[in-house]
Amino acid sequence: MPKNEESFRDRMRQFTLLHWGGLCMFASGFTGLIMTMQPAKNRAELLGRGIGVALGWVVGIVLVILHFVRRSRGKKTEKPRKGKVTGSTKRKQH
């Protein structure tokens, strides 16, 4: 079996912001579901759990939005070339 030369960090950098946002939203939703199975001892604990889940959702949504904003900004900065292209060409004159 060939040895993989990629490091863990390289593999994690291949994930897009869309993947990370989806992962945050899924994890916070799953955490909220698990926390409902264990009753809270007081209202402060219940509020803290809710804020934690909401924060996970907000972070996930922001990452998804950033994914699409960065993609559209990259397309707008590319300007098509107009006119004559300067530089030397290796075309033979007949």
PDB file of N, CA and C in Angstrom:
ATOM      1  N   MET A   1       0.840  -1.170   0.000  1.00  0.00           N
ATOM      2  CA  MET A   1       0.000   0.000   0.000  1.00  0.00           C
ATOM      3  C   MET A   1       0.890   1.241   0.000  1.00  0.00           C
ATOM      4  N   PRO A   2       0.690   2.170  -0.957  1.00  0.00           N
ATOM      5  CA  PRO A   2       1.560   3.349  -1.014  1.00  0.00           C
ATOM      6  C   PRO A   2       1.313   4.288   0.164  1.00  0.00           C
ATOM      7  N   LYS A   3       2.391   4.905   0.583  1.00  0.00           N
ATOM      8  CA  LYS A   3       2.290   5.817   1.713  1.00  0.00           C
ATOM      9  C   LYS A   3       1.805   7.184   1.221  1.00  0.00           C
ATOM     10  N   ASN A   4       0.853   7.751   1.942  1.00  0.00           N
ATOM     11  CA  ASN A   4       0.305   9.060   1.582  1.00  0.00           C
ATOM     12  C   ASN A   4       1.202  10.139   2.169  1.00  0.00           C
ATOM     13  N   GLU A   5       1.689  11.037   1.324  1.00  0.00           N
ATOM     14  CA  GLU A   5       2.607  12.077   1.763  1.00  0.00           C
ATOM     15  C   GLU A   5       1.898  13.329   2.272  1.00  0.00           C
ATOM     16  N   GLU A   6       0.562  13.388   2.145  1.00  0.00           N
ATOM     17  CA  GLU A   6      -0.174  14.556   2.612  1.00  0.00           C
ATOM     18  C   GLU A   6      -0.256  14.554   4.134  1.00  0.00           C
ATOM     19  N   SER A   7      -0.142  15.727   4.706  1.00  0.00           N
ATOM     20  CA  SER A   7      -0.296  15.828   6.151  1.00  0.00           C
ATOM     21  C   SER A   7      -1.773  16.020   6.483  1.00  0.00           C
ATOM     22  N   PHE A   8      -2.082  15.901   7.750  1.00  0.00           N
ATOM     23  CA  PHE A   8      -3.462  16.084   8.205  1.00  0.00           C
ATOM     24  C   PHE A   8      -3.930  17.506   7.904  1.00  0.00           C
ATOM     25  N   ARG A   9      -3.039  18.471   8.085  1.00  0.00           N
ATOM     26  CA  ARG A   9      -3.382  19.866   7.830  1.00  0.00           C
ATOM     27  C   ARG A   9      -3.706  20.097   6.356  1.00  0.00           C
ATOM     28  N   ASP A  10      -2.971  19.463   5.465  1.00  0.00           N
ATOM     29  CA  ASP A  10      -3.241  19.606   4.035  1.00  0.00           C
ATOM     30  C   ASP A  10      -4.611  19.049   3.670  1.00  0.00           C
ATOM     31  N   ARG A  11      -4.962  17.924   4.259  1.00  0.00           N
ATOM     32  CA  ARG A  11      -6.266  17.338   3.975  1.00  0.00           C
ATOM     33  C   ARG A  11      -7.400  18.206   4.518  1.00  0.00           C
ATOM     34  N   MET A  12      -7.196  18.827   5.681  1.00  0.00           N
ATOM     35  CA  MET A  12      -8.230  19.687   6.252  1.00  0.00           C
ATOM     36  C   MET A  12      -8.388  20.986   5.465  1.00  0.00           C
ATOM     37  N   ARG A  13      -7.316  21.454   4.845  1.00  0.00           N
ATOM     38  CA  ARG A  13      -7.390  22.689   4.064  1.00  0.00           C
ATOM     39  C   ARG A  13      -8.142  22.479   2.750  1.00  0.00           C
ATOM     40  N   GLN A  14      -8.343  21.241   2.348  1.00  0.00           N
ATOM     41  CA  GLN A  14      -9.080  20.967   1.123  1.00  0.00           C
ATOM     42  C   GLN A  14     -10.579  21.143   1.315  1.00  0.00           C
ATOM     43  N   PHE A  15     -11.049  21.170   2.557  1.00  0.00           N
ATOM     44  CA  PHE A  15     -12.466  21.403   2.827  1.00  0.00           C
ATOM     45  C   PHE A  15     -12.795  22.859   2.488  1.00  0.00           C
ATOM     46  N   THR A  16     -13.910  23.086   1.851  1.00  0.00           N
ATOM     47  CA  THR A  16     -14.336  24.445   1.558  1.00  0.00           C
ATOM     48  C   THR A  16     -15.085  25.008   2.766  1.00  0.00           C
ATOM     49  N   LEU A  17     -15.332  26.317   2.719  1.00  0.00           N
ATOM     50  CA  LEU A  17     -16.105  26.942   3.795  1.00  0.00           C
ATOM     51  C   LEU A  17     -17.523  26.385   3.834  1.00  0.00           C
ATOM     52  N   LEU A  18     -18.024  25.943   2.696  1.00  0.00           N
ATOM     53  CA  LEU A  18     -19.350  25.332   2.654  1.00  0.00           C
ATOM     54  C   LEU A  18     -19.373  24.045   3.470  1.00  0.00           C
ATOM     55  N   HIS A  19     -18.322  23.243   3.345  1.00  0.00           N
ATOM     56  CA  HIS A  19     -18.237  22.010   4.129  1.00  0.00           C
ATOM     57  C   HIS A  19     -18.156  22.310   5.619  1.00  0.00           C
ATOM     58  N   TRP A  20     -17.313  23.278   5.986  1.00  0.00           N
ATOM     59  CA  TRP A  20     -17.156  23.612   7.400  1.00  0.00           C
ATOM     60  C   TRP A  20     -18.453  24.178   7.972  1.00  0.00           C
ATOM     61  N   GLY A  21     -19.151  25.008   7.194  1.00  0.00           N
ATOM     62  CA  GLY A  21     -20.423  25.558   7.658  1.00  0.00           C
ATOM     63  C   GLY A  21     -21.466  24.479   7.852  1.00  0.00           C
ATOM     64  N   GLY A  22     -21.538  23.550   6.910  1.00  0.00           N
ATOM     65  CA  GLY A  22     -22.476  22.438   7.050  1.00  0.00           C
ATOM     66  C   GLY A  22     -22.144  21.562   8.240  1.00  0.00           C
ATOM     67  N   LEU A  23     -20.862  21.352   8.465  1.00  0.00           N
ATOM     68  CA  LEU A  23     -20.439  20.555   9.611  1.00  0.00           C
ATOM     69  C   LEU A  23     -20.812  21.238  10.928  1.00  0.00           C
ATOM     70  N   CYS A  24     -20.620  22.555  11.012  1.00  0.00           N
ATOM     71  CA  CYS A  24     -20.989  23.297  12.229  1.00  0.00           C
ATOM     72  C   CYS A  24     -22.490  23.226  12.482  1.00  0.00           C
ATOM     73  N   MET A  25     -23.286  23.402  11.430  1.00  0.00           N
ATOM     74  CA  MET A  25     -24.741  23.362  11.602  1.00  0.00           C
ATOM     75  C   MET A  25     -25.214  21.966  11.989  1.00  0.00           C
ATOM     76  N   PHE A  26     -24.651  20.942  11.357  1.00  0.00           N
ATOM     77  CA  PHE A  26     -25.031  19.580  11.688  1.00  0.00           C
ATOM     78  C   PHE A  26     -24.647  19.239  13.128  1.00  0.00           C
ATOM     79  N   ALA A  27     -23.433  19.627  13.523  1.00  0.00           N
ATOM     80  CA  ALA A  27     -22.966  19.313  14.871  1.00  0.00           C
ATOM     81  C   ALA A  27     -23.788  20.039  15.928  1.00  0.00           C
ATOM     82  N   SER A  28     -24.115  21.310  15.688  1.00  0.00           N
ATOM     83  CA  SER A  28     -24.896  22.031  16.687  1.00  0.00           C
ATOM     84  C   SER A  28     -26.326  21.505  16.755  1.00  0.00           C
ATOM     85  N   GLY A  29     -26.885  21.114  15.630  1.00  0.00           N
ATOM     86  CA  GLY A  29     -28.222  20.505  15.649  1.00  0.00           C
ATOM     87  C   GLY A  29     -28.231  19.177  16.384  1.00  0.00           C
ATOM     88  N   PHE A  30     -27.222  18.360  16.130  1.00  0.00           N
ATOM     89  CA  PHE A  30     -27.118  17.073  16.815  1.00  0.00           C
ATOM     90  C   PHE A  30     -26.882  17.272  18.317  1.00  0.00           C
ATOM     91  N   THR A  31     -26.068  18.266  18.665  1.00  0.00           N
ATOM     92  CA  THR A  31     -25.807  18.562  20.073  1.00  0.00           C
ATOM     93  C   THR A  31     -27.080  19.022  20.768  1.00  0.00           C
ATOM     94  N   GLY A  32     -27.858  19.859  20.094  1.00  0.00           N
ATOM     95  CA  GLY A  32     -29.129  20.301  20.662  1.00  0.00           C
ATOM     96  C   GLY A  32     -30.077  19.142  20.883  1.00  0.00           C
ATOM     97  N   LEU A  33     -30.084  18.193  19.968  1.00  0.00           N
ATOM     98  CA  LEU A  33     -30.935  17.015  20.122  1.00  0.00           C
ATOM     99  C   LEU A  33     -30.489  16.167  21.302  1.00  0.00           C
ATOM    100  N   ILE A  34     -29.198  15.965  21.434  1.00  0.00           N
ATOM    101  CA  ILE A  34     -28.674  15.169  22.544  1.00  0.00           C
ATOM    102  C   ILE A  34     -28.944  15.859  23.882  1.00  0.00           C
ATOM    103  N   MET A  35     -28.819  17.186  23.911  1.00  0.00           N
ATOM    104  CA  MET A  35     -29.014  17.908  25.175  1.00  0.00           C
ATOM    105  C   MET A  35     -30.470  17.894  25.635  1.00  0.00           C
ATOM    106  N   THR A  36     -31.413  17.717  24.715  1.00  0.00           N
ATOM    107  CA  THR A  36     -32.818  17.646  25.138  1.00  0.00           C
ATOM    108  C   THR A  36     -33.119  16.343  25.855  1.00  0.00           C
ATOM    109  N   MET A  37     -32.277  15.350  25.656  1.00  0.00           N
ATOM    110  CA  MET A  37     -32.499  14.063  26.324  1.00  0.00           C
ATOM    111  C   MET A  37     -32.099  14.096  27.793  1.00  0.00           C
ATOM    112  N   GLN A  38     -31.232  15.012  28.147  1.00  0.00           N
ATOM    113  CA  GLN A  38     -30.804  15.143  29.538  1.00  0.00           C
ATOM    114  C   GLN A  38     -31.413  16.431  30.094  1.00  0.00           C
ATOM    115  N   PRO A  39     -32.271  16.335  31.096  1.00  0.00           N
ATOM    116  CA  PRO A  39     -32.939  17.538  31.590  1.00  0.00           C
ATOM    117  C   PRO A  39     -31.962  18.512  32.265  1.00  0.00           C
ATOM    118  N   ALA A  40     -32.250  19.795  32.104  1.00  0.00           N
ATOM    119  CA  ALA A  40     -31.413  20.826  32.711  1.00  0.00           C
ATOM    120  C   ALA A  40     -31.763  20.961  34.195  1.00  0.00           C
ATOM    121  N   LYS A  41     -30.756  21.301  34.996  1.00  0.00           N
ATOM    122  CA  LYS A  41     -30.968  21.432  36.439  1.00  0.00           C
ATOM    123  C   LYS A  41     -31.615  22.764  36.786  1.00  0.00           C
ATOM    124  N   ASN A  42     -31.323  23.805  36.022  1.00  0.00           N
ATOM    125  CA  ASN A  42     -31.938  25.113  36.269  1.00  0.00           C
ATOM    126  C   ASN A  42     -32.056  25.879  34.953  1.00  0.00           C
ATOM    127  N   ARG A  43     -32.655  27.064  35.031  1.00  0.00           N
ATOM    128  CA  ARG A  43     -32.903  27.848  33.819  1.00  0.00           C
ATOM    129  C   ARG A  43     -31.614  28.372  33.205  1.00  0.00           C
ATOM    130  N   ALA A  44     -30.620  28.660  34.034  1.00  0.00           N
ATOM    131  CA  ALA A  44     -29.356  29.176  33.505  1.00  0.00           C
ATOM    132  C   ALA A  44     -28.657  28.126  32.643  1.00  0.00           C
ATOM    133  N   GLU A  45     -28.695  26.895  33.068  1.00  0.00           N
ATOM    134  CA  GLU A  45     -28.089  25.819  32.271  1.00  0.00           C
ATOM    135  C   GLU A  45     -28.831  25.644  30.957  1.00  0.00           C
ATOM    136  N   LEU A  46     -30.140  25.739  31.014  1.00  0.00           N
ATOM    137  CA  LEU A  46     -30.949  25.622  29.807  1.00  0.00           C
ATOM    138  C   LEU A  46     -30.655  26.775  28.841  1.00  0.00           C
ATOM    139  N   LEU A  47     -30.503  27.976  29.374  1.00  0.00           N
ATOM    140  CA  LEU A  47     -30.179  29.134  28.543  1.00  0.00           C
ATOM    141  C   LEU A  47     -28.790  28.989  27.919  1.00  0.00           C
ATOM    142  N   GLY A  48     -27.838  28.522  28.693  1.00  0.00           N
ATOM    143  CA  GLY A  48     -26.484  28.312  28.177  1.00  0.00           C
ATOM    144  C   GLY A  48     -26.451  27.283  27.063  1.00  0.00           C
ATOM    145  N   ARG A  49     -27.204  26.228  27.214  1.00  0.00           N
ATOM    146  CA  ARG A  49     -27.275  25.218  26.152  1.00  0.00           C
ATOM    147  C   ARG A  49     -27.866  25.802  24.880  1.00  0.00           C
ATOM    148  N   GLY A  50     -28.922  26.566  25.042  1.00  0.00           N
ATOM    149  CA  GLY A  50     -29.570  27.177  23.878  1.00  0.00           C
ATOM    150  C   GLY A  50     -28.664  28.157  23.172  1.00  0.00           C
ATOM    151  N   ILE A  51     -27.924  28.956  23.937  1.00  0.00           N
ATOM    152  CA  ILE A  51     -26.999  29.917  23.342  1.00  0.00           C
ATOM    153  C   ILE A  51     -25.872  29.190  22.605  1.00  0.00           C
ATOM    154  N   GLY A  52     -25.402  28.089  23.174  1.00  0.00           N
ATOM    155  CA  GLY A  52     -24.348  27.310  22.513  1.00  0.00           C
ATOM    156  C   GLY A  52     -24.800  26.740  21.182  1.00  0.00           C
ATOM    157  N   VAL A  53     -26.012  26.211  21.141  1.00  0.00           N
ATOM    158  CA  VAL A  53     -26.542  25.660  19.892  1.00  0.00           C
ATOM    159  C   VAL A  53     -26.775  26.774  18.879  1.00  0.00           C
ATOM    160  N   ALA A  54     -27.330  27.893  19.329  1.00  0.00           N
ATOM    161  CA  ALA A  54     -27.580  29.017  18.425  1.00  0.00           C
ATOM    162  C   ALA A  54     -26.272  29.572  17.870  1.00  0.00           C
ATOM    163  N   LEU A  55     -25.244  29.635  18.692  1.00  0.00           N
ATOM    164  CA  LEU A  55     -23.945  30.122  18.232  1.00  0.00           C
ATOM    165  C   LEU A  55     -23.367  29.194  17.153  1.00  0.00           C
ATOM    166  N   GLY A  56     -23.531  27.890  17.328  1.00  0.00           N
ATOM    167  CA  GLY A  56     -23.074  26.943  16.308  1.00  0.00           C
ATOM    168  C   GLY A  56     -23.796  27.139  14.993  1.00  0.00           C
ATOM    169  N   TRP A  57     -25.098  27.387  15.053  1.00  0.00           N
ATOM    170  CA  TRP A  57     -25.861  27.642  13.831  1.00  0.00           C
ATOM    171  C   TRP A  57     -25.436  28.938  13.168  1.00  0.00           C
ATOM    172  N   VAL A  58     -25.222  29.987  13.973  1.00  0.00           N
ATOM    173  CA  VAL A  58     -24.813  31.276  13.403  1.00  0.00           C
ATOM    174  C   VAL A  58     -23.455  31.153  12.724  1.00  0.00           C
ATOM    175  N   VAL A  59     -22.514  30.476  13.369  1.00  0.00           N
ATOM    176  CA  VAL A  59     -21.183  30.288  12.774  1.00  0.00           C
ATOM    177  C   VAL A  59     -21.296  29.502  11.476  1.00  0.00           C
ATOM    178  N   GLY A  60     -22.113  28.463  11.454  1.00  0.00           N
ATOM    179  CA  GLY A  60     -22.290  27.672  10.245  1.00  0.00           C
ATOM    180  C   GLY A  60     -22.892  28.466   9.104  1.00  0.00           C
ATOM    181  N   ILE A  61     -23.895  29.279   9.413  1.00  0.00           N
ATOM    182  CA  ILE A  61     -24.539  30.085   8.377  1.00  0.00           C
ATOM    183  C   ILE A  61     -23.574  31.140   7.842  1.00  0.00           C
ATOM    184  N   VAL A  62     -22.797  31.752   8.727  1.00  0.00           N
ATOM    185  CA  VAL A  62     -21.820  32.753   8.282  1.00  0.00           C
ATOM    186  C   VAL A  62     -20.766  32.106   7.378  1.00  0.00           C
ATOM    187  N   LEU A  63     -20.315  30.910   7.703  1.00  0.00           N
ATOM    188  CA  LEU A  63     -19.328  30.237   6.859  1.00  0.00           C
ATOM    189  C   LEU A  63     -19.897  29.908   5.485  1.00  0.00           C
ATOM    190  N   VAL A  64     -21.153  29.500   5.426  1.00  0.00           N
ATOM    191  CA  VAL A  64     -21.777  29.204   4.131  1.00  0.00           C
ATOM    192  C   VAL A  64     -21.915  30.486   3.313  1.00  0.00           C
ATOM    193  N   ILE A  65     -22.328  31.574   3.953  1.00  0.00           N
ATOM    194  CA  ILE A  65     -22.452  32.848   3.241  1.00  0.00           C
ATOM    195  C   ILE A  65     -21.088  33.313   2.731  1.00  0.00           C
ATOM    196  N   LEU A  66     -20.065  33.187   3.566  1.00  0.00           N
ATOM    197  CA  LEU A  66     -18.721  33.579   3.137  1.00  0.00           C
ATOM    198  C   LEU A  66     -18.242  32.750   1.947  1.00  0.00           C
ATOM    199  N   HIS A  67     -18.618  31.487   1.909  1.00  0.00           N
ATOM    200  CA  HIS A  67     -18.238  30.633   0.781  1.00  0.00           C
ATOM    201  C   HIS A  67     -18.750  31.214  -0.527  1.00  0.00           C
ATOM    202  N   PHE A  68     -20.022  31.613  -0.551  1.00  0.00           N
ATOM    203  CA  PHE A  68     -20.597  32.119  -1.791  1.00  0.00           C
ATOM    204  C   PHE A  68     -20.168  33.552  -2.085  1.00  0.00           C
ATOM    205  N   VAL A  69     -19.938  34.363  -1.066  1.00  0.00           N
ATOM    206  CA  VAL A  69     -19.486  35.744  -1.294  1.00  0.00           C
ATOM    207  C   VAL A  69     -18.081  35.742  -1.864  1.00  0.00           C
ATOM    208  N   ARG A  70     -17.195  34.928  -1.322  1.00  0.00           N
ATOM    209  CA  ARG A  70     -15.826  34.866  -1.835  1.00  0.00           C
ATOM    210  C   ARG A  70     -15.801  34.363  -3.263  1.00  0.00           C
ATOM    211  N   ARG A  71     -16.664  33.417  -3.583  1.00  0.00           N
ATOM    212  CA  ARG A  71     -16.699  32.883  -4.950  1.00  0.00           C
ATOM    213  C   ARG A  71     -17.177  33.946  -5.927  1.00  0.00           C
ATOM    214  N   SER A  72     -18.238  34.689  -5.580  1.00  0.00           N
ATOM    215  CA  SER A  72     -18.757  35.691  -6.503  1.00  0.00           C
ATOM    216  C   SER A  72     -17.812  36.882  -6.617  1.00  0.00           C
ATOM    217  N   ARG A  73     -17.111  37.240  -5.541  1.00  0.00           N
ATOM    218  CA  ARG A  73     -16.158  38.344  -5.603  1.00  0.00           C
ATOM    219  C   ARG A  73     -14.996  37.980  -6.524  1.00  0.00           C
ATOM    220  N   GLY A  74     -14.570  36.728  -6.526  1.00  0.00           N
ATOM    221  CA  GLY A  74     -13.489  36.294  -7.394  1.00  0.00           C
ATOM    222  C   GLY A  74     -13.868  36.375  -8.859  1.00  0.00           C
ATOM    223  N   LYS A  75     -15.127  36.136  -9.178  1.00  0.00           N
ATOM    224  CA  LYS A  75     -15.569  36.213 -10.565  1.00  0.00           C
ATOM    225  C   LYS A  75     -15.670  37.646 -11.039  1.00  0.00           C
ATOM    226  N   LYS A  76     -16.021  38.576 -10.157  1.00  0.00           N
ATOM    227  CA  LYS A  76     -16.179  39.967 -10.559  1.00  0.00           C
ATOM    228  C   LYS A  76     -14.842  40.648 -10.815  1.00  0.00           C
ATOM    229  N   THR A  77     -13.784  40.224 -10.159  1.00  0.00           N
ATOM    230  CA  THR A  77     -12.501  40.893 -10.319  1.00  0.00           C
ATOM    231  C   THR A  77     -11.818  40.537 -11.626  1.00  0.00           C
ATOM    232  N   GLU A  78     -12.183  39.427 -12.237  1.00  0.00           N
ATOM    233  CA  GLU A  78     -11.587  39.053 -13.507  1.00  0.00           C
ATOM    234  C   GLU A  78     -12.193  39.912 -14.609  1.00  0.00           C
ATOM    235  N   LYS A  79     -11.364  40.696 -15.278  1.00  0.00           N
ATOM    236  CA  LYS A  79     -11.843  41.551 -16.357  1.00  0.00           C
ATOM    237  C   LYS A  79     -11.423  40.938 -17.685  1.00  0.00           C
ATOM    238  N   PRO A  80     -12.344  40.867 -18.615  1.00  0.00           N
ATOM    239  CA  PRO A  80     -11.964  40.328 -19.928  1.00  0.00           C
ATOM    240  C   PRO A  80     -11.057  41.302 -20.664  1.00  0.00           C
ATOM    241  N   ARG A  81     -10.136  40.754 -21.425  1.00  0.00           N
ATOM    242  CA  ARG A  81      -9.211  41.587 -22.182  1.00  0.00           C
ATOM    243  C   ARG A  81      -9.907  42.142 -23.407  1.00  0.00           C
ATOM    244  N   LYS A  82      -9.684  43.425 -23.632  1.00  0.00           N
ATOM    245  CA  LYS A  82     -10.260  44.074 -24.805  1.00  0.00           C
ATOM    246  C   LYS A  82      -9.134  44.678 -25.629  1.00  0.00           C
ATOM    247  N   GLY A  83      -9.337  44.703 -26.888  1.00  0.00           N
ATOM    248  CA  GLY A  83      -8.345  45.338 -27.749  1.00  0.00           C
ATOM    249  C   GLY A  83      -7.210  44.399 -28.117  1.00  0.00           C
ATOM    250  N   LYS A  84      -6.151  45.025 -28.590  1.00  0.00           N
ATOM    251  CA  LYS A  84      -4.989  44.288 -29.051  1.00  0.00           C
ATOM    252  C   LYS A  84      -4.130  43.825 -27.883  1.00  0.00           C
ATOM    253  N   VAL A  85      -3.669  42.612 -27.960  1.00  0.00           N
ATOM    254  CA  VAL A  85      -2.793  42.079 -26.928  1.00  0.00           C
ATOM    255  C   VAL A  85      -1.373  42.494 -27.252  1.00  0.00           C
ATOM    256  N   THR A  86      -0.702  43.082 -26.281  1.00  0.00           N
ATOM    257  CA  THR A  86       0.678  43.520 -26.512  1.00  0.00           C
ATOM    258  C   THR A  86       1.641  42.375 -26.218  1.00  0.00           C
ATOM    259  N   GLY A  87       2.804  42.482 -26.800  1.00  0.00           N
ATOM    260  CA  GLY A  87       3.802  41.462 -26.582  1.00  0.00           C
ATOM    261  C   GLY A  87       4.261  40.896 -27.903  1.00  0.00           C
ATOM    262  N   SER A  88       5.304  40.126 -27.860  1.00  0.00           N
ATOM    263  CA  SER A  88       5.848  39.576 -29.088  1.00  0.00           C
ATOM    264  C   SER A  88       5.088  38.327 -29.483  1.00  0.00           C
ATOM    265  N   THR A  89       4.876  38.184 -30.742  1.00  0.00           N
ATOM    266  CA  THR A  89       4.264  36.973 -31.274  1.00  0.00           C
ATOM    267  C   THR A  89       5.279  36.320 -32.215  1.00  0.00           C
ATOM    268  N   LYS A  90       5.202  35.052 -32.337  1.00  0.00           N
ATOM    269  CA  LYS A  90       6.147  34.338 -33.186  1.00  0.00           C
ATOM    270  C   LYS A  90       5.490  33.963 -34.509  1.00  0.00           C
ATOM    271  N   ARG A  91       4.712  34.860 -35.026  1.00  0.00           N
ATOM    272  CA  ARG A  91       4.047  34.644 -36.283  1.00  0.00           C
ATOM    273  C   ARG A  91       4.943  35.109 -37.422  1.00  0.00           C
ATOM    274  N   LYS A  92       4.993  34.344 -38.449  1.00  0.00           N
ATOM    275  CA  LYS A  92       5.812  34.721 -39.604  1.00  0.00           C
ATOM    276  C   LYS A  92       5.003  35.607 -40.528  1.00  0.00           C
ATOM    277  N   GLN A  93       5.657  36.666 -41.002  1.00  0.00           N
ATOM    278  CA  GLN A  93       5.023  37.568 -41.969  1.00  0.00           C
ATOM    279  C   GLN A  93       5.197  36.978 -43.359  1.00  0.00           C
ATOM    280  N   HIS A  94       4.139  36.942 -44.131  1.00  0.00           N
ATOM    281  CA  HIS A  94       4.200  36.404 -45.491  1.00  0.00           C
ATOM    282  C   HIS A  94       4.405  37.473 -46.474  1.00  0.00           C
TER     283      HIS A  94
END
